[in-house]
Amino acid sequence: MLTGCSELNVVVDGINRGQIFKYLYKPMNVDLVRKTVQEAYQKFLEGKKNQMDVVELIETNEKLEFMLRQKLIS
């Protein structure tokens, strides 16, 4: 979240909803902003990879369950 809004309730609401990666104070240091964006992007990529891993695990589990049922039926 990058905003000029200084109202505390907006920040608290965002934090409580888990939608804020990091809160930076003004005036912002450009290097700190770059580092924070890089960290947020890495976290985003990790989240996407985790989602893909979950899908793969579900598919593998379904295949294993199918194989188990086939063996039990045969």
PDB file of N, CA and C in Angstrom:
ATOM      1  N   MET A   1       0.857  -1.169   0.000  1.00  0.00           N
ATOM      2  CA  MET A   1       0.000   0.000   0.000  1.00  0.00           C
ATOM      3  C   MET A   1       0.899   1.225   0.000  1.00  0.00           C
ATOM      4  N   LEU A   2       0.695   2.056  -0.959  1.00  0.00           N
ATOM      5  CA  LEU A   2       1.439   3.307  -1.035  1.00  0.00           C
ATOM      6  C   LEU A   2       0.413   4.416  -1.162  1.00  0.00           C
ATOM      7  N   THR A   3       0.362   5.279  -0.172  1.00  0.00           N
ATOM      8  CA  THR A   3      -0.665   6.301  -0.160  1.00  0.00           C
ATOM      9  C   THR A   3      -0.180   7.544   0.565  1.00  0.00           C
ATOM     10  N   GLY A   4      -0.830   8.616   0.285  1.00  0.00           N
ATOM     11  CA  GLY A   4      -0.548   9.859   0.985  1.00  0.00           C
ATOM     12  C   GLY A   4      -1.462  10.026   2.183  1.00  0.00           C
ATOM     13  N   CYS A   5      -2.353   9.069   2.373  1.00  0.00           N
ATOM     14  CA  CYS A   5      -3.316   9.126   3.467  1.00  0.00           C
ATOM     15  C   CYS A   5      -2.603   8.917   4.788  1.00  0.00           C
ATOM     16  N   SER A   6      -2.843   9.793   5.723  1.00  0.00           N
ATOM     17  CA  SER A   6      -2.180   9.665   7.013  1.00  0.00           C
ATOM     18  C   SER A   6      -3.153   9.251   8.109  1.00  0.00           C
ATOM     19  N   GLU A   7      -4.391   8.921   7.732  1.00  0.00           N
ATOM     20  CA  GLU A   7      -5.373   8.537   8.729  1.00  0.00           C
ATOM     21  C   GLU A   7      -5.042   7.151   9.272  1.00  0.00           C
ATOM     22  N   LEU A   8      -4.876   7.073  10.555  1.00  0.00           N
ATOM     23  CA  LEU A   8      -4.463   5.857  11.215  1.00  0.00           C
ATOM     24  C   LEU A   8      -5.471   4.726  11.033  1.00  0.00           C
ATOM     25  N   ASN A   9      -6.769   5.036  11.016  1.00  0.00           N
ATOM     26  CA  ASN A   9      -7.771   3.973  10.895  1.00  0.00           C
ATOM     27  C   ASN A   9      -7.657   3.231   9.567  1.00  0.00           C
ATOM     28  N   VAL A  10      -7.247   3.916   8.511  1.00  0.00           N
ATOM     29  CA  VAL A  10      -7.070   3.273   7.207  1.00  0.00           C
ATOM     30  C   VAL A  10      -5.898   2.297   7.276  1.00  0.00           C
ATOM     31  N   VAL A  11      -4.831   2.708   7.894  1.00  0.00           N
ATOM     32  CA  VAL A  11      -3.642   1.861   8.027  1.00  0.00           C
ATOM     33  C   VAL A  11      -3.956   0.659   8.912  1.00  0.00           C
ATOM     34  N   VAL A  12      -4.591   0.878  10.039  1.00  0.00           N
ATOM     35  CA  VAL A  12      -4.933  -0.209  10.962  1.00  0.00           C
ATOM     36  C   VAL A  12      -5.855  -1.213  10.280  1.00  0.00           C
ATOM     37  N   ASP A  13      -6.843  -0.732   9.540  1.00  0.00           N
ATOM     38  CA  ASP A  13      -7.759  -1.624   8.832  1.00  0.00           C
ATOM     39  C   ASP A  13      -7.002  -2.488   7.819  1.00  0.00           C
ATOM     40  N   GLY A  14      -6.105  -1.880   7.078  1.00  0.00           N
ATOM     41  CA  GLY A  14      -5.312  -2.628   6.112  1.00  0.00           C
ATOM     42  C   GLY A  14      -4.431  -3.674   6.767  1.00  0.00           C
ATOM     43  N   ILE A  15      -3.827  -3.318   7.868  1.00  0.00           N
ATOM     44  CA  ILE A  15      -2.979  -4.268   8.593  1.00  0.00           C
ATOM     45  C   ILE A  15      -3.823  -5.417   9.131  1.00  0.00           C
ATOM     46  N   ASN A  16      -4.959  -5.099   9.717  1.00  0.00           N
ATOM     47  CA  ASN A  16      -5.827  -6.134  10.277  1.00  0.00           C
ATOM     48  C   ASN A  16      -6.341  -7.094   9.205  1.00  0.00           C
ATOM     49  N   ARG A  17      -6.521  -6.610   8.009  1.00  0.00           N
ATOM     50  CA  ARG A  17      -6.981  -7.467   6.916  1.00  0.00           C
ATOM     51  C   ARG A  17      -5.815  -8.228   6.265  1.00  0.00           C
ATOM     52  N   GLY A  18      -4.606  -7.945   6.697  1.00  0.00           N
ATOM     53  CA  GLY A  18      -3.446  -8.629   6.154  1.00  0.00           C
ATOM     54  C   GLY A  18      -3.108  -8.192   4.741  1.00  0.00           C
ATOM     55  N   GLN A  19      -3.508  -6.998   4.361  1.00  0.00           N
ATOM     56  CA  GLN A  19      -3.307  -6.528   3.004  1.00  0.00           C
ATOM     57  C   GLN A  19      -2.115  -5.579   2.870  1.00  0.00           C
ATOM     58  N   ILE A  20      -1.422  -5.333   3.953  1.00  0.00           N
ATOM     59  CA  ILE A  20      -0.275  -4.417   3.906  1.00  0.00           C
ATOM     60  C   ILE A  20       0.998  -5.218   4.156  1.00  0.00           C
ATOM     61  N   PHE A  21       1.944  -5.116   3.237  1.00  0.00           N
ATOM     62  CA  PHE A  21       3.217  -5.826   3.373  1.00  0.00           C
ATOM     63  C   PHE A  21       4.113  -5.109   4.383  1.00  0.00           C
ATOM     64  N   LYS A  22       4.228  -3.820   4.220  1.00  0.00           N
ATOM     65  CA  LYS A  22       5.094  -3.049   5.102  1.00  0.00           C
ATOM     66  C   LYS A  22       4.614  -1.605   5.096  1.00  0.00           C
ATOM     67  N   TYR A  23       4.718  -0.950   6.221  1.00  0.00           N
ATOM     68  CA  TYR A  23       4.325   0.445   6.340  1.00  0.00           C
ATOM     69  C   TYR A  23       5.587   1.292   6.374  1.00  0.00           C
ATOM     70  N   LEU A  24       5.689   2.226   5.454  1.00  0.00           N
ATOM     71  CA  LEU A  24       6.850   3.115   5.392  1.00  0.00           C
ATOM     72  C   LEU A  24       6.430   4.530   5.772  1.00  0.00           C
ATOM     73  N   TYR A  25       7.265   5.168   6.519  1.00  0.00           N
ATOM     74  CA  TYR A  25       6.997   6.545   6.922  1.00  0.00           C
ATOM     75  C   TYR A  25       7.554   7.524   5.905  1.00  0.00           C
ATOM     76  N   LYS A  26       6.933   8.688   5.826  1.00  0.00           N
ATOM     77  CA  LYS A  26       7.442   9.767   4.984  1.00  0.00           C
ATOM     78  C   LYS A  26       8.379  10.620   5.827  1.00  0.00           C
ATOM     79  N   PRO A  27       9.343  11.255   5.261  1.00  0.00           N
ATOM     80  CA  PRO A  27       9.770  11.128   3.870  1.00  0.00           C
ATOM     81  C   PRO A  27      10.441   9.776   3.653  1.00  0.00           C
ATOM     82  N   MET A  28      10.187   9.193   2.507  1.00  0.00           N
ATOM     83  CA  MET A  28      10.685   7.857   2.216  1.00  0.00           C
ATOM     84  C   MET A  28      12.066   7.917   1.577  1.00  0.00           C
ATOM     85  N   ASN A  29      12.886   6.985   1.984  1.00  0.00           N
ATOM     86  CA  ASN A  29      14.196   6.809   1.396  1.00  0.00           C
ATOM     87  C   ASN A  29      14.023   5.958   0.140  1.00  0.00           C
ATOM     88  N   VAL A  30      14.511   6.424  -0.994  1.00  0.00           N
ATOM     89  CA  VAL A  30      14.327   5.722  -2.270  1.00  0.00           C
ATOM     90  C   VAL A  30      14.897   4.310  -2.216  1.00  0.00           C
ATOM     91  N   ASP A  31      16.047   4.137  -1.602  1.00  0.00           N
ATOM     92  CA  ASP A  31      16.642   2.800  -1.500  1.00  0.00           C
ATOM     93  C   ASP A  31      15.761   1.863  -0.673  1.00  0.00           C
ATOM     94  N   LEU A  32      15.183   2.385   0.397  1.00  0.00           N
ATOM     95  CA  LEU A  32      14.291   1.587   1.231  1.00  0.00           C
ATOM     96  C   LEU A  32      13.028   1.201   0.461  1.00  0.00           C
ATOM     97  N   VAL A  33      12.511   2.116  -0.340  1.00  0.00           N
ATOM     98  CA  VAL A  33      11.328   1.811  -1.152  1.00  0.00           C
ATOM     99  C   VAL A  33      11.663   0.718  -2.161  1.00  0.00           C
ATOM    100  N   ARG A  34      12.796   0.827  -2.818  1.00  0.00           N
ATOM    101  CA  ARG A  34      13.225  -0.211  -3.784  1.00  0.00           C
ATOM    102  C   ARG A  34      13.343  -1.567  -3.105  1.00  0.00           C
ATOM    103  N   LYS A  35      14.017  -1.584  -1.966  1.00  0.00           N
ATOM    104  CA  LYS A  35      14.212  -2.835  -1.228  1.00  0.00           C
ATOM    105  C   LYS A  35      12.868  -3.419  -0.810  1.00  0.00           C
ATOM    106  N   THR A  36      11.975  -2.590  -0.353  1.00  0.00           N
ATOM    107  CA  THR A  36      10.659  -3.049   0.088  1.00  0.00           C
ATOM    108  C   THR A  36       9.859  -3.617  -1.074  1.00  0.00           C
ATOM    109  N   VAL A  37       9.907  -2.953  -2.228  1.00  0.00           N
ATOM    110  CA  VAL A  37       9.200  -3.454  -3.404  1.00  0.00           C
ATOM    111  C   VAL A  37       9.778  -4.795  -3.836  1.00  0.00           C
ATOM    112  N   GLN A  38      11.098  -4.925  -3.814  1.00  0.00           N
ATOM    113  CA  GLN A  38      11.738  -6.196  -4.172  1.00  0.00           C
ATOM    114  C   GLN A  38      11.309  -7.305  -3.205  1.00  0.00           C
ATOM    115  N   GLU A  39      11.275  -7.006  -1.912  1.00  0.00           N
ATOM    116  CA  GLU A  39      10.854  -7.993  -0.920  1.00  0.00           C
ATOM    117  C   GLU A  39       9.391  -8.392  -1.125  1.00  0.00           C
ATOM    118  N   ALA A  40       8.549  -7.416  -1.412  1.00  0.00           N
ATOM    119  CA  ALA A  40       7.131  -7.692  -1.634  1.00  0.00           C
ATOM    120  C   ALA A  40       6.939  -8.553  -2.881  1.00  0.00           C
ATOM    121  N   TYR A  41       7.710  -8.275  -3.919  1.00  0.00           N
ATOM    122  CA  TYR A  41       7.613  -9.063  -5.149  1.00  0.00           C
ATOM    123  C   TYR A  41       8.059 -10.499  -4.901  1.00  0.00           C
ATOM    124  N   GLN A  42       9.137 -10.682  -4.129  1.00  0.00           N
ATOM    125  CA  GLN A  42       9.590 -12.033  -3.798  1.00  0.00           C
ATOM    126  C   GLN A  42       8.520 -12.782  -3.011  1.00  0.00           C
ATOM    127  N   LYS A  43       7.878 -12.095  -2.080  1.00  0.00           N
ATOM    128  CA  LYS A  43       6.803 -12.713  -1.303  1.00  0.00           C
ATOM    129  C   LYS A  43       5.641 -13.094  -2.216  1.00  0.00           C
ATOM    130  N   PHE A  44       5.324 -12.239  -3.168  1.00  0.00           N
ATOM    131  CA  PHE A  44       4.274 -12.524  -4.146  1.00  0.00           C
ATOM    132  C   PHE A  44       4.614 -13.775  -4.945  1.00  0.00           C
ATOM    133  N   LEU A  45       5.859 -13.854  -5.437  1.00  0.00           N
ATOM    134  CA  LEU A  45       6.282 -15.023  -6.212  1.00  0.00           C
ATOM    135  C   LEU A  45       6.223 -16.301  -5.368  1.00  0.00           C
ATOM    136  N   GLU A  46       6.633 -16.218  -4.114  1.00  0.00           N
ATOM    137  CA  GLU A  46       6.557 -17.378  -3.230  1.00  0.00           C
ATOM    138  C   GLU A  46       5.110 -17.827  -3.038  1.00  0.00           C
ATOM    139  N   GLY A  47       4.206 -16.875  -2.910  1.00  0.00           N
ATOM    140  CA  GLY A  47       2.791 -17.198  -2.758  1.00  0.00           C
ATOM    141  C   GLY A  47       2.247 -17.896  -3.992  1.00  0.00           C
ATOM    142  N   LYS A  48       2.626 -17.404  -5.173  1.00  0.00           N
ATOM    143  CA  LYS A  48       2.196 -18.040  -6.422  1.00  0.00           C
ATOM    144  C   LYS A  48       2.741 -19.459  -6.519  1.00  0.00           C
ATOM    145  N   LYS A  49       4.013 -19.646  -6.143  1.00  0.00           N
ATOM    146  CA  LYS A  49       4.606 -20.975  -6.188  1.00  0.00           C
ATOM    147  C   LYS A  49       3.884 -21.904  -5.219  1.00  0.00           C
ATOM    148  N   ASN A  50       3.564 -21.409  -4.039  1.00  0.00           N
ATOM    149  CA  ASN A  50       2.832 -22.223  -3.068  1.00  0.00           C
ATOM    150  C   ASN A  50       1.477 -22.646  -3.628  1.00  0.00           C
ATOM    151  N   GLN A  51       0.786 -21.735  -4.302  1.00  0.00           N
ATOM    152  CA  GLN A  51      -0.506 -22.072  -4.917  1.00  0.00           C
ATOM    153  C   GLN A  51      -0.330 -23.170  -5.953  1.00  0.00           C
ATOM    154  N   MET A  52       0.695 -23.065  -6.775  1.00  0.00           N
ATOM    155  CA  MET A  52       0.950 -24.077  -7.797  1.00  0.00           C
ATOM    156  C   MET A  52       1.304 -25.416  -7.147  1.00  0.00           C
ATOM    157  N   ASP A  53       2.071 -25.378  -6.063  1.00  0.00           N
ATOM    158  CA  ASP A  53       2.424 -26.608  -5.352  1.00  0.00           C
ATOM    159  C   ASP A  53       1.185 -27.287  -4.771  1.00  0.00           C
ATOM    160  N   VAL A  54       0.264 -26.501  -4.239  1.00  0.00           N
ATOM    161  CA  VAL A  54      -0.968 -27.072  -3.682  1.00  0.00           C
ATOM    162  C   VAL A  54      -1.777 -27.757  -4.775  1.00  0.00           C
ATOM    163  N   VAL A  55      -1.898 -27.117  -5.931  1.00  0.00           N
ATOM    164  CA  VAL A  55      -2.624 -27.717  -7.050  1.00  0.00           C
ATOM    165  C   VAL A  55      -1.965 -29.036  -7.454  1.00  0.00           C
ATOM    166  N   GLU A  56      -0.654 -29.037  -7.541  1.00  0.00           N
ATOM    167  CA  GLU A  56       0.074 -30.255  -7.910  1.00  0.00           C
ATOM    168  C   GLU A  56      -0.131 -31.363  -6.874  1.00  0.00           C
ATOM    169  N   LEU A  57      -0.111 -30.999  -5.587  1.00  0.00           N
ATOM    170  CA  LEU A  57      -0.337 -31.987  -4.541  1.00  0.00           C
ATOM    171  C   LEU A  57      -1.746 -32.569  -4.609  1.00  0.00           C
ATOM    172  N   ILE A  58      -2.727 -31.736  -4.880  1.00  0.00           N
ATOM    173  CA  ILE A  58      -4.110 -32.210  -4.999  1.00  0.00           C
ATOM    174  C   ILE A  58      -4.228 -33.185  -6.163  1.00  0.00           C
ATOM    175  N   GLU A  59      -3.636 -32.828  -7.297  1.00  0.00           N
ATOM    176  CA  GLU A  59      -3.693 -33.708  -8.469  1.00  0.00           C
ATOM    177  C   GLU A  59      -2.991 -35.042  -8.188  1.00  0.00           C
ATOM    178  N   THR A  60      -1.837 -34.986  -7.553  1.00  0.00           N
ATOM    179  CA  THR A  60      -1.105 -36.209  -7.228  1.00  0.00           C
ATOM    180  C   THR A  60      -1.897 -37.066  -6.254  1.00  0.00           C
ATOM    181  N   ASN A  61      -2.508 -36.444  -5.270  1.00  0.00           N
ATOM    182  CA  ASN A  61      -3.311 -37.173  -4.304  1.00  0.00           C
ATOM    183  C   ASN A  61      -4.496 -37.857  -4.988  1.00  0.00           C
ATOM    184  N   GLU A  62      -5.146 -37.159  -5.917  1.00  0.00           N
ATOM    185  CA  GLU A  62      -6.264 -37.753  -6.649  1.00  0.00           C
ATOM    186  C   GLU A  62      -5.813 -38.969  -7.447  1.00  0.00           C
ATOM    187  N   LYS A  63      -4.653 -38.881  -8.076  1.00  0.00           N
ATOM    188  CA  LYS A  63      -4.116 -40.017  -8.839  1.00  0.00           C
ATOM    189  C   LYS A  63      -3.814 -41.197  -7.924  1.00  0.00           C
ATOM    190  N   LEU A  64      -3.214 -40.917  -6.772  1.00  0.00           N
ATOM    191  CA  LEU A  64      -2.890 -41.978  -5.827  1.00  0.00           C
ATOM    192  C   LEU A  64      -4.158 -42.636  -5.286  1.00  0.00           C
ATOM    193  N   GLU A  65      -5.170 -41.829  -4.985  1.00  0.00           N
ATOM    194  CA  GLU A  65      -6.431 -42.384  -4.509  1.00  0.00           C
ATOM    195  C   GLU A  65      -7.076 -43.262  -5.580  1.00  0.00           C
ATOM    196  N   PHE A  66      -7.003 -42.836  -6.831  1.00  0.00           N
ATOM    197  CA  PHE A  66      -7.543 -43.627  -7.928  1.00  0.00           C
ATOM    198  C   PHE A  66      -6.813 -44.967  -8.029  1.00  0.00           C
ATOM    199  N   MET A  67      -5.490 -44.908  -7.954  1.00  0.00           N
ATOM    200  CA  MET A  67      -4.700 -46.136  -8.031  1.00  0.00           C
ATOM    201  C   MET A  67      -5.021 -47.070  -6.866  1.00  0.00           C
ATOM    202  N   LEU A  68      -5.202 -46.524  -5.696  1.00  0.00           N
ATOM    203  CA  LEU A  68      -5.534 -47.324  -4.524  1.00  0.00           C
ATOM    204  C   LEU A  68      -6.899 -47.996  -4.701  1.00  0.00           C
ATOM    205  N   ARG A  69      -7.878 -47.227  -5.176  1.00  0.00           N
ATOM    206  CA  ARG A  69      -9.216 -47.791  -5.411  1.00  0.00           C
ATOM    207  C   ARG A  69      -9.155 -48.899  -6.456  1.00  0.00           C
ATOM    208  N   GLN A  70      -8.370 -48.716  -7.503  1.00  0.00           N
ATOM    209  CA  GLN A  70      -8.244 -49.738  -8.538  1.00  0.00           C
ATOM    210  C   GLN A  70      -7.670 -51.021  -7.964  1.00  0.00           C
ATOM    211  N   LYS A  71      -6.692 -50.862  -7.087  1.00  0.00           N
ATOM    212  CA  LYS A  71      -6.056 -52.048  -6.487  1.00  0.00           C
ATOM    213  C   LYS A  71      -7.027 -52.735  -5.547  1.00  0.00           C
ATOM    214  N   LEU A  72      -7.822 -51.974  -4.817  1.00  0.00           N
ATOM    215  CA  LEU A  72      -8.776 -52.555  -3.880  1.00  0.00           C
ATOM    216  C   LEU A  72      -9.903 -53.274  -4.622  1.00  0.00           C
ATOM    217  N   ILE A  73     -10.284 -52.754  -5.789  1.00  0.00           N
ATOM    218  CA  ILE A  73     -11.360 -53.353  -6.570  1.00  0.00           C
ATOM    219  C   ILE A  73     -10.883 -54.614  -7.277  1.00  0.00           C
ATOM    220  N   SER A  74      -9.674 -54.611  -7.770  1.00  0.00           N
ATOM    221  CA  SER A  74      -9.136 -55.748  -8.551  1.00  0.00           C
ATOM    222  C   SER A  74      -8.948 -56.993  -7.740  1.00  0.00           C
TER     223      SER A  74
END
